[in-house]
Amino acid sequence: MINIGLLGYGTVGSGVAELIDRNSEIIAQRTGDKVVLKKVLERSQDTIQQAGLTPDMIAEDINDIINDPEIDIVVELIGGIEPAFTFIIAAMKQGKHVVSANKDLIATKGADIFATAAENNVDFYFEASVAGGIPIIYPLKQSLTGNKILEVIGILNGTTNYILTKMSQEGRPFAEVLQEAQQLGYAEADPTADVEGLDAARKIAILSSIAFNSRVTLDNVYVEGITAISPADIRYARELGYVIKLLAIAKEDEQGRIATRVHPAFLPKNHPLAAVNDVFNAVFVRGDAVGEIMHYGRGAGKMPTASSVVGDIIEIGRNMLAKTNGRIGCTCYTSKTMLSINELKAKFYIRMTVTDRPGVLAGIAGVFGNNNVSIASVLQKASQDNMAELIMVTHEVKEQNLRDALAVLRGMSIVSEIDNVIRLEGTERD
């Protein structure tokens, strides 16, 4: 039999145990041997009692699992960097294969983990670290390896997608919908990692490392969150034919340079990702051979995430029986140049409040022109107290040029406020 040591019996850990028990016959047939949960490392006595774990299954400390010669696979579900990193490395050095759902750890310590796995000829699988139950890591490492991947664009955070969906459908402000998401359990008490884009940034770092075969870390990802998005922005997006989504974007240009970013974006209504709503996730991939494909489903949750974890366990079990462990290790065999956000080109939506009098628009257009920013369209909305709201959409422009123009505008007396600046994405499909 194939014995599992489970680190952490929280939401996902208990889901893994439940799925192994519920589908034990199917899993044994598909693996080629019986898969058994032998030991669990869990600190909470309440959790242990509620789960009904027998005393012989409880590991007093990590050494009970690391030093058990009968345990073949260690499943790390405790999260965070430490002690998870130390536990994983120790397990690998004892010849144990590892499955993890830990996006934080992989996005920051992936190189060290893969090096240790290779040194010890063990498998390291991590499908559940990105997009929960949606298969995307294995397809990028296996099914799509005949392609040159051109771009990966994802809605990778269910909390922010739920908030933006509700704001769009009901016209409610960000703070109000965030509070509702917290009450429903979709958002944490401290929602910073979600609403500021950090969760999605870790996930796109992992995906771009695989897609472009070059190590990308969290530090390489430009990040903006959704806290500045207002009902007005969503209303104007709809008027212009777009929806607003928090996108995680990774692209390789013709010179082989990589750009990775997370930010809100205007997305055309006909883009496949535009219809992904509520807490669902999706990953859109474009390859030179396969063209456009999209993976869609539940990006989090107890059983969807457990589905990916158990899938990894089965694959490692098959490798063990075939004596082919270590077959697919680190795929970051190149070191490509990372582009800074200032070097990128994009179309932009700009909303600003200005003095409502003749000549103002011409003055603003002049500043844009002096900085090589070309305006594609302008909407002017009447406001109060001799002020007007201008909504502009630019042609494709270098980010640094737009920033230079906005810096000048902020210093002009005719501009009261630059209310928001949002990039457009996916417009090349129009």
Protein backbone atom coordinates (compact mmCIF):
# COMPACT_ATOMS: atom_id res chain seq x y z
CA MET A 1 0.00 0.00 0.00
CA ILE A 2 0.95 3.69 -0.40
CA ASN A 3 1.05 5.44 2.97
CA ILE A 4 0.37 9.15 3.39
CA GLY A 5 1.60 11.52 6.10
CA LEU A 6 -0.69 14.55 6.26
CA LEU A 7 0.55 17.87 7.66
CA GLY A 8 -2.50 19.88 8.72
CA TYR A 9 -6.08 18.69 9.19
CA GLY A 10 -7.88 21.96 8.52
CA THR A 11 -10.42 22.63 5.79
CA VAL A 12 -8.42 21.14 2.92
CA GLY A 13 -6.68 18.47 5.00
CA SER A 14 -9.99 17.07 6.23
CA GLY A 15 -11.26 17.18 2.64
CA VAL A 16 -8.28 15.09 1.49
CA ALA A 17 -8.94 12.52 4.21
CA GLU A 18 -12.64 12.43 3.31
CA LEU A 19 -11.95 11.99 -0.40
CA ILE A 20 -9.38 9.21 0.13
CA ASP A 21 -11.90 7.37 2.31
CA ARG A 22 -14.96 7.99 0.12
CA ASN A 23 -13.31 6.99 -3.17
CA SER A 24 -10.84 4.44 -1.81
CA GLU A 25 -11.75 1.71 -4.32
CA ILE A 26 -11.59 4.02 -7.33
CA ILE A 27 -8.33 5.55 -6.12
CA ALA A 28 -6.77 2.10 -5.63
CA GLN A 29 -7.78 1.03 -9.13
CA ARG A 30 -6.52 4.22 -10.73
CA THR A 31 -3.27 4.25 -8.77
CA GLY A 32 -2.54 0.54 -8.94
CA ASP A 33 -2.31 0.15 -5.17
CA LYS A 34 -4.25 1.07 -2.05
CA VAL A 35 -3.72 4.62 -0.72
CA VAL A 36 -3.89 4.90 3.08
CA LEU A 37 -3.76 7.91 5.36
CA LYS A 38 -1.35 6.67 8.03
CA LYS A 39 -0.41 9.69 10.16
CA VAL A 40 -1.64 13.25 10.68
CA LEU A 41 0.28 16.17 12.17
CA GLU A 42 -2.30 18.49 13.75
CA ARG A 43 -1.83 20.78 16.76
CA SER A 44 -5.48 21.50 17.55
CA GLN A 45 -6.93 18.99 20.00
CA ASP A 46 -10.45 20.19 19.13
CA THR A 47 -9.83 19.36 15.47
CA ILE A 48 -8.44 15.93 16.37
CA GLN A 49 -11.47 15.10 18.54
CA GLN A 50 -14.00 16.36 15.99
CA ALA A 51 -12.30 14.37 13.22
CA GLY A 52 -12.37 11.16 15.22
CA LEU A 53 -8.73 10.39 14.47
CA THR A 54 -7.42 7.35 16.35
CA PRO A 55 -4.41 7.85 18.69
CA ASP A 56 -2.12 5.76 16.46
CA MET A 57 -2.79 8.19 13.57
CA ILE A 58 -1.69 11.30 15.49
CA ALA A 59 1.90 12.44 15.00
CA GLU A 60 3.31 14.05 18.13
CA ASP A 61 5.73 16.07 15.99
CA ILE A 62 7.08 16.15 12.44
CA ASN A 63 9.70 13.51 13.21
CA ASP A 64 6.95 10.90 13.67
CA ILE A 65 6.23 11.34 9.97
CA ILE A 66 9.70 12.15 8.60
CA ASN A 67 11.32 9.15 10.31
CA ASP A 68 8.55 6.66 9.57
CA PRO A 69 9.98 4.40 6.83
CA GLU A 70 6.49 3.25 5.84
CA ILE A 71 5.29 6.74 4.89
CA ASP A 72 5.84 7.29 1.16
CA ILE A 73 4.19 10.67 0.50
CA VAL A 74 4.02 13.76 2.71
CA VAL A 75 1.11 16.10 2.00
CA GLU A 76 1.81 19.64 3.28
CA LEU A 77 -1.35 21.67 3.95
CA ILE A 78 -0.28 23.88 6.87
CA GLY A 79 0.46 26.93 4.70
CA GLY A 80 2.91 29.78 5.20
CA ILE A 81 6.66 29.72 4.68
CA GLU A 82 7.83 28.24 7.97
CA PRO A 83 7.76 25.60 9.30
CA ALA A 84 6.34 24.26 6.01
CA PHE A 85 9.60 24.81 4.11
CA THR A 86 11.71 23.07 6.75
CA PHE A 87 9.27 20.15 6.92
CA ILE A 88 9.20 19.69 3.13
CA ILE A 89 12.99 19.76 2.78
CA ALA A 90 13.40 17.29 5.67
CA ALA A 91 10.85 14.92 4.11
CA MET A 92 12.58 14.99 0.73
CA LYS A 93 15.95 14.28 2.31
CA GLN A 94 14.40 11.16 3.81
CA GLY A 95 13.34 10.05 0.32
CA LYS A 96 9.68 10.99 0.70
CA HIS A 97 7.64 12.48 -2.12
CA VAL A 98 5.75 15.69 -1.39
CA VAL A 99 2.40 17.17 -2.39
CA SER A 100 1.68 20.79 -1.43
CA ALA A 101 -1.06 23.37 -1.90
CA ASN A 102 1.18 26.15 -0.55
CA LYS A 103 1.28 28.99 -3.10
CA ASP A 104 3.17 31.34 -0.75
CA LEU A 105 5.97 28.83 -0.31
CA ILE A 106 6.25 27.82 -3.97
CA ALA A 107 6.23 31.44 -5.19
CA THR A 108 9.14 32.32 -2.91
CA LYS A 109 11.09 29.09 -2.28
CA GLY A 110 10.29 27.07 -5.38
CA ALA A 111 13.88 26.93 -6.65
CA ASP A 112 15.18 25.46 -3.37
CA ILE A 113 12.37 22.91 -3.20
CA PHE A 114 12.86 21.69 -6.76
CA ALA A 115 16.63 21.47 -6.29
CA THR A 116 16.17 19.32 -3.18
CA ALA A 117 13.63 17.10 -4.95
CA ALA A 118 16.08 16.53 -7.82
CA GLU A 119 18.97 15.77 -5.46
CA ASN A 120 16.89 13.10 -3.72
CA ASN A 121 15.08 11.77 -6.80
CA VAL A 122 11.64 12.43 -5.34
CA ASP A 123 8.48 13.96 -6.77
CA PHE A 124 7.12 17.37 -5.83
CA TYR A 125 3.57 18.03 -7.06
CA PHE A 126 1.57 21.18 -6.37
CA GLU A 127 -1.54 21.32 -8.57
CA ALA A 128 -3.69 22.69 -5.73
CA SER A 129 -1.44 25.73 -5.20
CA VAL A 130 -3.09 27.58 -8.11
CA ALA A 131 -6.82 27.74 -8.87
CA GLY A 132 -7.89 25.08 -6.36
CA GLY A 133 -9.72 22.30 -8.20
CA ILE A 134 -8.99 23.59 -11.71
CA PRO A 135 -6.29 21.54 -13.48
CA ILE A 136 -3.77 24.01 -14.93
CA ILE A 137 -0.28 23.17 -13.63
CA TYR A 138 -0.25 19.60 -14.95
CA PRO A 139 -1.57 20.68 -18.39
CA LEU A 140 1.16 23.34 -18.64
CA LYS A 141 3.82 20.80 -17.62
CA GLN A 142 2.48 17.96 -19.78
CA SER A 143 -0.32 18.43 -22.31
CA LEU A 144 0.82 21.83 -23.62
CA THR A 145 4.59 21.29 -23.61
CA GLY A 146 4.66 21.09 -27.41
CA ASN A 147 3.57 24.74 -27.53
CA LYS A 148 5.37 28.00 -27.15
CA ILE A 149 3.09 29.64 -24.59
CA LEU A 150 2.41 33.27 -25.54
CA GLU A 151 0.23 34.39 -22.66
CA VAL A 152 -1.49 33.23 -19.51
CA ILE A 153 -4.30 35.39 -18.14
CA GLY A 154 -6.25 34.37 -15.09
CA ILE A 155 -9.02 35.29 -12.72
CA LEU A 156 -7.24 33.63 -9.82
CA ASN A 157 -8.93 35.03 -6.73
CA GLY A 158 -12.53 34.18 -5.93
CA THR A 159 -12.93 36.90 -3.28
CA THR A 160 -12.14 39.78 -5.61
CA ASN A 161 -14.13 38.25 -8.45
CA TYR A 162 -17.16 37.95 -6.15
CA ILE A 163 -16.79 41.59 -5.06
CA LEU A 164 -16.46 42.92 -8.61
CA THR A 165 -19.38 40.76 -9.78
CA LYS A 166 -21.66 42.12 -7.06
CA MET A 167 -20.53 45.69 -7.68
CA SER A 168 -21.27 45.25 -11.38
CA GLN A 169 -24.64 43.55 -11.00
CA GLU A 170 -25.98 45.64 -8.12
CA GLY A 171 -24.15 48.98 -8.40
CA ARG A 172 -22.95 48.79 -4.79
CA PRO A 173 -19.70 50.31 -3.47
CA PHE A 174 -16.58 48.28 -2.72
CA ALA A 175 -16.66 48.60 1.09
CA GLU A 176 -20.26 47.41 1.34
CA VAL A 177 -19.71 44.33 -0.86
CA LEU A 178 -16.47 43.48 0.95
CA GLN A 179 -18.33 43.42 4.25
CA GLU A 180 -20.92 41.07 2.75
CA ALA A 181 -18.15 38.80 1.40
CA GLN A 182 -16.65 38.61 4.88
CA GLN A 183 -20.02 37.70 6.41
CA LEU A 184 -20.46 34.92 3.82
CA GLY A 185 -16.97 33.57 4.47
CA TYR A 186 -15.64 34.45 1.01
CA ALA A 187 -13.24 37.05 2.46
CA GLU A 188 -10.96 36.83 5.47
CA ALA A 189 -11.24 39.18 8.46
CA ASP A 190 -8.03 40.72 7.09
CA PRO A 191 -8.73 40.73 3.32
CA THR A 192 -5.47 42.45 2.33
CA ALA A 193 -3.91 39.51 0.46
CA ASP A 194 -7.04 39.19 -1.67
CA VAL A 195 -8.17 42.76 -2.35
CA GLU A 196 -4.65 44.12 -2.84
CA GLY A 197 -3.87 41.42 -5.41
CA LEU A 198 -1.13 39.58 -3.50
CA ASP A 199 -2.85 36.19 -3.58
CA ALA A 200 -3.25 36.36 -7.36
CA ALA A 201 0.34 37.60 -7.72
CA ARG A 202 1.73 34.50 -6.02
CA LYS A 203 -0.32 32.29 -8.32
CA ILE A 204 0.72 34.02 -11.55
CA ALA A 205 4.36 33.82 -10.44
CA ILE A 206 3.96 30.03 -10.28
CA LEU A 207 2.12 29.76 -13.59
CA SER A 208 4.52 32.01 -15.50
CA SER A 209 7.54 30.07 -14.19
CA ILE A 210 6.04 26.94 -15.74
CA ALA A 211 4.66 28.54 -18.91
CA PHE A 212 7.86 30.36 -19.85
CA ASN A 213 10.42 27.96 -18.31
CA SER A 214 12.10 30.75 -16.36
CA ARG A 215 12.01 31.39 -12.61
CA VAL A 216 9.48 34.09 -11.70
CA THR A 217 9.05 35.07 -8.04
CA LEU A 218 6.55 37.26 -6.25
CA ASP A 219 9.02 40.15 -6.40
CA ASN A 220 8.84 40.05 -10.22
CA VAL A 221 5.09 40.66 -10.31
CA TYR A 222 3.66 44.19 -10.53
CA VAL A 223 0.58 44.35 -8.28
CA GLU A 224 -2.47 46.61 -7.94
CA GLY A 225 -5.64 45.72 -6.04
CA ILE A 226 -9.31 46.58 -6.47
CA THR A 227 -9.84 48.99 -3.56
CA ALA A 228 -9.96 52.04 -5.85
CA ILE A 229 -12.66 50.63 -8.15
CA SER A 230 -15.91 52.58 -7.82
CA PRO A 231 -19.46 52.04 -9.13
CA ALA A 232 -18.74 54.92 -11.54
CA ASP A 233 -15.85 52.99 -13.12
CA ILE A 234 -18.03 49.91 -13.51
CA ARG A 235 -20.82 52.00 -15.02
CA TYR A 236 -18.50 53.61 -17.58
CA ALA A 237 -16.91 50.23 -18.38
CA ARG A 238 -20.37 48.89 -19.26
CA GLU A 239 -21.13 51.99 -21.35
CA LEU A 240 -17.90 51.45 -23.30
CA GLY A 241 -18.50 47.72 -23.83
CA TYR A 242 -16.29 46.27 -21.07
CA VAL A 243 -16.40 44.57 -17.69
CA ILE A 244 -13.86 45.10 -14.90
CA LYS A 245 -11.95 42.07 -13.62
CA LEU A 246 -8.89 41.64 -11.44
CA LEU A 247 -6.56 39.89 -13.88
CA ALA A 248 -3.29 38.07 -13.33
CA ILE A 249 -1.35 38.42 -16.58
CA ALA A 250 1.86 36.84 -17.86
CA LYS A 251 3.15 37.37 -21.39
CA GLU A 252 6.35 36.74 -23.31
CA ASP A 253 7.21 39.23 -26.07
CA GLU A 254 8.97 38.59 -29.40
CA GLN A 255 12.36 39.24 -27.79
CA GLY A 256 11.72 36.53 -25.19
CA ARG A 257 11.16 38.99 -22.33
CA ILE A 258 8.53 38.24 -19.67
CA ALA A 259 6.02 40.65 -18.15
CA THR A 260 3.96 39.59 -15.14
CA ARG A 261 1.33 41.75 -13.48
CA VAL A 262 -1.86 41.74 -11.42
CA HIS A 263 -4.28 44.65 -11.68
CA PRO A 264 -7.89 45.56 -12.43
CA ALA A 265 -8.56 45.71 -16.16
CA PHE A 266 -11.26 46.65 -18.62
CA LEU A 267 -12.00 43.41 -20.46
CA PRO A 268 -14.15 43.31 -23.64
CA LYS A 269 -17.52 41.68 -23.03
CA ASN A 270 -16.77 39.09 -25.75
CA HIS A 271 -13.60 37.84 -24.03
CA PRO A 272 -14.01 34.33 -22.52
CA LEU A 273 -12.92 35.60 -19.09
CA ALA A 274 -15.59 38.34 -19.06
CA ALA A 275 -18.32 35.79 -18.25
CA VAL A 276 -16.47 34.34 -15.22
CA ASN A 277 -18.44 35.60 -12.24
CA ASP A 278 -18.90 35.20 -8.48
CA VAL A 279 -16.27 33.05 -6.70
CA PHE A 280 -15.32 31.09 -9.81
CA ASN A 281 -11.79 31.16 -11.25
CA ALA A 282 -10.55 30.68 -14.79
CA VAL A 283 -7.23 30.55 -16.61
CA PHE A 284 -6.98 31.60 -20.26
CA VAL A 285 -3.94 30.28 -22.14
CA ARG A 286 -2.76 31.08 -25.66
CA GLY A 287 -0.20 28.82 -27.31
CA ASP A 288 1.30 28.97 -30.78
CA ALA A 289 -0.11 25.54 -31.71
CA VAL A 290 -3.21 25.06 -29.57
CA GLY A 291 -4.50 28.62 -29.93
CA GLU A 292 -6.82 29.84 -27.17
CA ILE A 293 -8.04 27.55 -24.38
CA MET A 294 -9.63 28.24 -21.00
CA HIS A 295 -9.78 26.23 -17.78
CA TYR A 296 -12.78 27.15 -15.59
CA GLY A 297 -14.15 26.05 -12.24
CA ARG A 298 -14.01 26.45 -8.48
CA GLY A 299 -10.70 27.99 -7.51
CA ALA A 300 -10.94 27.25 -3.80
CA GLY A 301 -12.96 25.34 -1.23
CA LYS A 302 -12.59 22.15 0.73
CA MET A 303 -13.42 19.46 -1.82
CA PRO A 304 -12.31 21.17 -5.07
CA THR A 305 -8.85 21.75 -3.58
CA ALA A 306 -8.80 18.24 -2.11
CA SER A 307 -9.56 16.96 -5.62
CA SER A 308 -6.29 18.42 -6.91
CA VAL A 309 -4.29 17.18 -3.91
CA VAL A 310 -5.58 13.61 -4.28
CA GLY A 311 -4.93 13.76 -8.03
CA ASP A 312 -1.28 14.55 -7.25
CA ILE A 313 -1.13 11.68 -4.73
CA ILE A 314 -2.42 9.27 -7.38
CA GLU A 315 0.11 10.47 -9.97
CA ILE A 316 3.00 10.04 -7.52
CA GLY A 317 1.68 6.60 -6.60
CA ARG A 318 1.71 5.59 -10.27
CA ASN A 319 5.29 6.87 -10.57
CA MET A 320 6.29 4.83 -7.51
CA LEU A 321 4.87 1.62 -8.93
CA ALA A 322 6.54 2.29 -12.30
CA LYS A 323 9.77 3.35 -10.58
CA THR A 324 9.75 6.64 -12.51
CA ASN A 325 9.80 9.21 -9.71
CA GLY A 326 11.62 12.46 -10.45
CA ARG A 327 10.57 12.29 -14.11
CA ILE A 328 9.07 15.81 -14.17
CA GLY A 329 11.00 18.18 -11.97
CA CYS A 330 11.76 21.86 -12.26
CA THR A 331 11.00 23.19 -15.75
CA CYS A 332 12.77 26.54 -15.25
CA TYR A 333 15.74 25.76 -17.47
CA THR A 334 16.22 29.31 -18.84
CA SER A 335 16.73 32.76 -17.30
CA LYS A 336 14.72 35.32 -19.22
CA THR A 337 14.65 39.09 -18.81
CA MET A 338 11.77 40.51 -16.78
CA LEU A 339 10.13 43.66 -18.11
CA SER A 340 9.25 46.42 -15.65
CA ILE A 341 5.74 47.88 -15.71
CA ASN A 342 7.10 51.17 -17.09
CA GLU A 343 8.28 49.42 -20.26
CA LEU A 344 4.91 47.86 -21.07
CA LYS A 345 2.43 49.20 -23.59
CA ALA A 346 -1.31 49.20 -23.04
CA LYS A 347 -4.51 51.07 -23.71
CA PHE A 348 -5.86 52.98 -20.72
CA TYR A 349 -9.15 54.24 -19.31
CA ILE A 350 -8.73 57.53 -17.44
CA ARG A 351 -11.41 59.21 -15.34
CA MET A 352 -10.76 62.72 -14.07
CA THR A 353 -12.63 65.66 -12.59
CA VAL A 354 -11.83 69.00 -14.29
CA THR A 355 -12.98 72.62 -14.40
CA ASP A 356 -16.00 72.96 -16.68
CA ARG A 357 -15.04 75.82 -19.01
CA PRO A 358 -13.90 76.32 -22.61
CA GLY A 359 -10.32 75.31 -23.47
CA VAL A 360 -9.89 72.75 -20.69
CA LEU A 361 -10.13 69.72 -22.97
CA ALA A 362 -7.67 71.28 -25.41
CA GLY A 363 -5.21 71.94 -22.59
CA ILE A 364 -5.42 68.34 -21.36
CA ALA A 365 -5.09 66.97 -24.90
CA GLY A 366 -1.98 69.11 -25.35
CA VAL A 367 -0.32 67.56 -22.28
CA PHE A 368 -1.08 64.08 -23.56
CA GLY A 369 0.24 64.95 -27.01
CA ASN A 370 3.48 66.34 -25.61
CA ASN A 371 4.05 62.97 -23.89
CA ASN A 372 3.21 60.81 -26.93
CA VAL A 373 -0.15 59.73 -25.52
CA SER A 374 -2.83 59.43 -28.21
CA ILE A 375 -6.49 59.68 -27.21
CA ALA A 376 -8.92 57.24 -28.86
CA SER A 377 -12.19 58.52 -27.34
CA VAL A 378 -13.51 61.09 -24.87
CA LEU A 379 -16.75 61.27 -22.90
CA GLN A 380 -17.64 64.41 -20.94
CA LYS A 381 -20.21 64.15 -18.17
CA ALA A 382 -21.75 67.19 -16.51
CA SER A 383 -21.02 67.51 -12.83
CA GLN A 384 -21.75 70.08 -10.12
CA ASP A 385 -20.17 73.33 -9.00
CA ASN A 386 -18.69 74.16 -12.42
CA MET A 387 -16.82 70.86 -12.57
CA ALA A 388 -17.05 68.14 -15.20
CA GLU A 389 -16.09 64.48 -15.37
CA LEU A 390 -13.90 63.45 -18.30
CA ILE A 391 -13.63 59.81 -19.35
CA MET A 392 -10.84 59.11 -21.81
CA VAL A 393 -9.61 55.94 -23.51
CA THR A 394 -6.13 56.03 -25.03
CA HIS A 395 -4.60 54.20 -27.93
CA GLU A 396 -1.79 51.84 -26.98
CA VAL A 397 0.86 53.82 -25.13
CA LYS A 398 4.03 53.13 -23.20
CA GLU A 399 3.23 53.13 -19.48
CA GLN A 400 6.01 55.56 -18.60
CA ASN A 401 4.72 58.11 -21.11
CA LEU A 402 1.25 57.99 -19.57
CA ARG A 403 2.67 58.37 -16.06
CA ASP A 404 4.67 61.41 -17.17
CA ALA A 405 1.54 63.00 -18.66
CA LEU A 406 -0.54 62.33 -15.55
CA ALA A 407 2.17 63.85 -13.35
CA VAL A 408 1.90 67.09 -15.33
CA LEU A 409 -1.92 67.06 -15.23
CA ARG A 410 -1.97 66.63 -11.47
CA GLY A 411 -0.11 69.90 -11.15
CA MET A 412 -2.54 71.90 -13.31
CA SER A 413 -5.21 74.07 -11.74
CA ILE A 414 -7.85 72.92 -14.25
CA VAL A 415 -7.55 69.31 -13.02
CA SER A 416 -9.23 68.75 -9.67
CA GLU A 417 -8.62 64.99 -9.45
CA ILE A 418 -7.34 62.03 -11.46
CA ASP A 419 -10.06 59.73 -10.17
CA ASN A 420 -8.86 56.45 -11.65
CA VAL A 421 -6.58 54.94 -14.28
CA ILE A 422 -7.27 51.38 -15.45
CA ARG A 423 -5.58 49.35 -18.18
CA LEU A 424 -7.50 47.68 -21.02
CA GLU A 425 -6.74 44.03 -21.71
CA GLY A 426 -7.79 41.61 -24.44
CA THR A 427 -8.69 44.33 -26.93
CA GLU A 428 -6.55 42.67 -29.64
CA ARG A 429 -9.34 40.06 -29.92
CA ASP A 430 -11.92 42.68 -30.98
